[in-house]
């Protein structure tokens, strides 16, 4: 797998985890997840995805109930990404 264009543009290398979700009886979708070291890292990757890699931010970064900080974007190929910082 090659690094996401947004990550390359931001000068980051991704370590990916892949998880699947079931959509009824349909084929499970794949969400690519990158865990950033800091909240600034999450914000930087989301900004780069939208501005430099023609991605679309689908959920701005925010603090989640369990304390994580995460946002979501879809890249030009239609892949769904979660960029997160664990609490």
Protein backbone atom coordinates (compact mmCIF):
# COMPACT_ATOMS: atom_id res chain seq x y z
CA UNK A 1 0.00 0.00 0.00
CA UNK A 2 1.31 3.46 -0.83
CA UNK A 3 1.00 6.38 1.57
CA UNK A 4 -2.05 8.58 1.27
CA UNK A 5 -1.36 11.68 -0.88
CA UNK A 6 -2.41 13.89 2.04
CA UNK A 7 0.16 12.23 4.26
CA UNK A 8 2.87 12.62 1.65
CA UNK A 9 1.96 16.28 1.24
CA UNK A 10 2.14 16.77 5.02
CA UNK A 11 5.47 14.92 5.19
CA UNK A 12 4.03 12.03 7.23
CA UNK A 13 4.41 8.30 6.90
CA UNK A 14 1.34 6.27 7.81
CA UNK A 15 1.05 3.19 9.92
CA UNK A 16 -2.31 1.72 8.97
CA UNK A 17 -4.85 -0.42 10.68
CA UNK A 18 -7.73 -1.70 8.61
CA UNK A 19 -11.08 -2.56 10.10
CA UNK A 20 -14.31 -3.59 8.47
CA UNK A 21 -17.93 -2.71 9.15
CA UNK A 22 -20.91 -4.76 8.09
CA UNK A 23 -23.63 -3.00 6.14
CA UNK A 24 -26.54 -5.41 6.50
CA UNK A 25 -26.01 -8.30 4.09
CA UNK A 26 -23.79 -6.23 1.82
CA UNK A 27 -20.05 -6.45 1.34
CA UNK A 28 -18.26 -4.94 4.37
CA UNK A 29 -16.70 -1.52 3.82
CA UNK A 30 -13.11 -0.75 4.74
CA UNK A 31 -12.03 2.23 6.83
CA UNK A 32 -8.33 3.09 6.88
CA UNK A 33 -7.15 4.47 10.21
CA UNK A 34 -4.06 6.51 11.00
CA UNK A 35 -3.16 7.18 14.62
CA UNK A 36 -1.40 10.51 14.96
CA UNK A 37 0.84 11.34 17.91
CA UNK A 38 -0.82 14.69 18.64
CA UNK A 39 -4.02 16.64 18.07
CA UNK A 40 -2.01 18.94 15.80
CA UNK A 41 -1.05 15.87 13.74
CA UNK A 42 -4.73 15.01 13.29
CA UNK A 43 -5.56 18.57 12.26
CA UNK A 44 -2.56 18.78 9.89
CA UNK A 45 -3.49 15.56 8.06
CA UNK A 46 -7.15 16.58 7.72
CA UNK A 47 -6.13 19.99 6.37
CA UNK A 48 -3.68 18.39 3.93
CA UNK A 49 -6.31 15.88 2.79
CA UNK A 50 -8.69 18.67 1.88
CA UNK A 51 -6.23 21.23 0.52
CA UNK A 52 -3.41 19.24 -1.05
CA UNK A 53 -4.77 15.84 -1.97
CA UNK A 54 -8.25 16.67 -3.30
CA UNK A 55 -9.84 14.81 -0.40
CA UNK A 56 -13.07 15.74 1.31
CA UNK A 57 -13.26 16.12 5.09
CA UNK A 58 -16.44 14.29 6.08
CA UNK A 59 -16.22 14.99 9.83
CA UNK A 60 -14.10 17.72 11.39
CA UNK A 61 -11.78 16.60 14.18
CA UNK A 62 -13.37 16.65 17.61
CA UNK A 63 -12.98 15.04 21.01
CA UNK A 64 -14.91 11.76 21.28
CA UNK A 65 -16.70 10.41 24.36
CA UNK A 66 -13.84 8.06 25.31
CA UNK A 67 -11.36 10.96 25.11
CA UNK A 68 -9.88 10.23 21.68
CA UNK A 69 -9.58 13.08 19.16
CA UNK A 70 -10.54 12.13 15.60
CA UNK A 71 -11.76 13.34 12.22
CA UNK A 72 -12.67 11.68 8.92
CA UNK A 73 -12.03 12.24 5.24
CA UNK A 74 -12.61 10.51 1.94
CA UNK A 75 -9.76 10.49 -0.57
CA UNK A 76 -10.19 10.96 -4.35
CA UNK A 77 -10.34 7.17 -4.82
CA UNK A 78 -13.32 6.95 -2.46
CA UNK A 79 -11.41 5.39 0.44
CA UNK A 80 -12.70 6.39 3.87
CA UNK A 81 -10.08 7.46 6.43
CA UNK A 82 -10.15 8.08 10.16
CA UNK A 83 -7.32 10.18 11.57
CA UNK A 84 -7.19 9.80 15.34
CA UNK A 85 -5.16 10.52 18.45
CA UNK A 86 -5.79 8.03 21.24
CA UNK A 87 -6.50 9.35 24.73
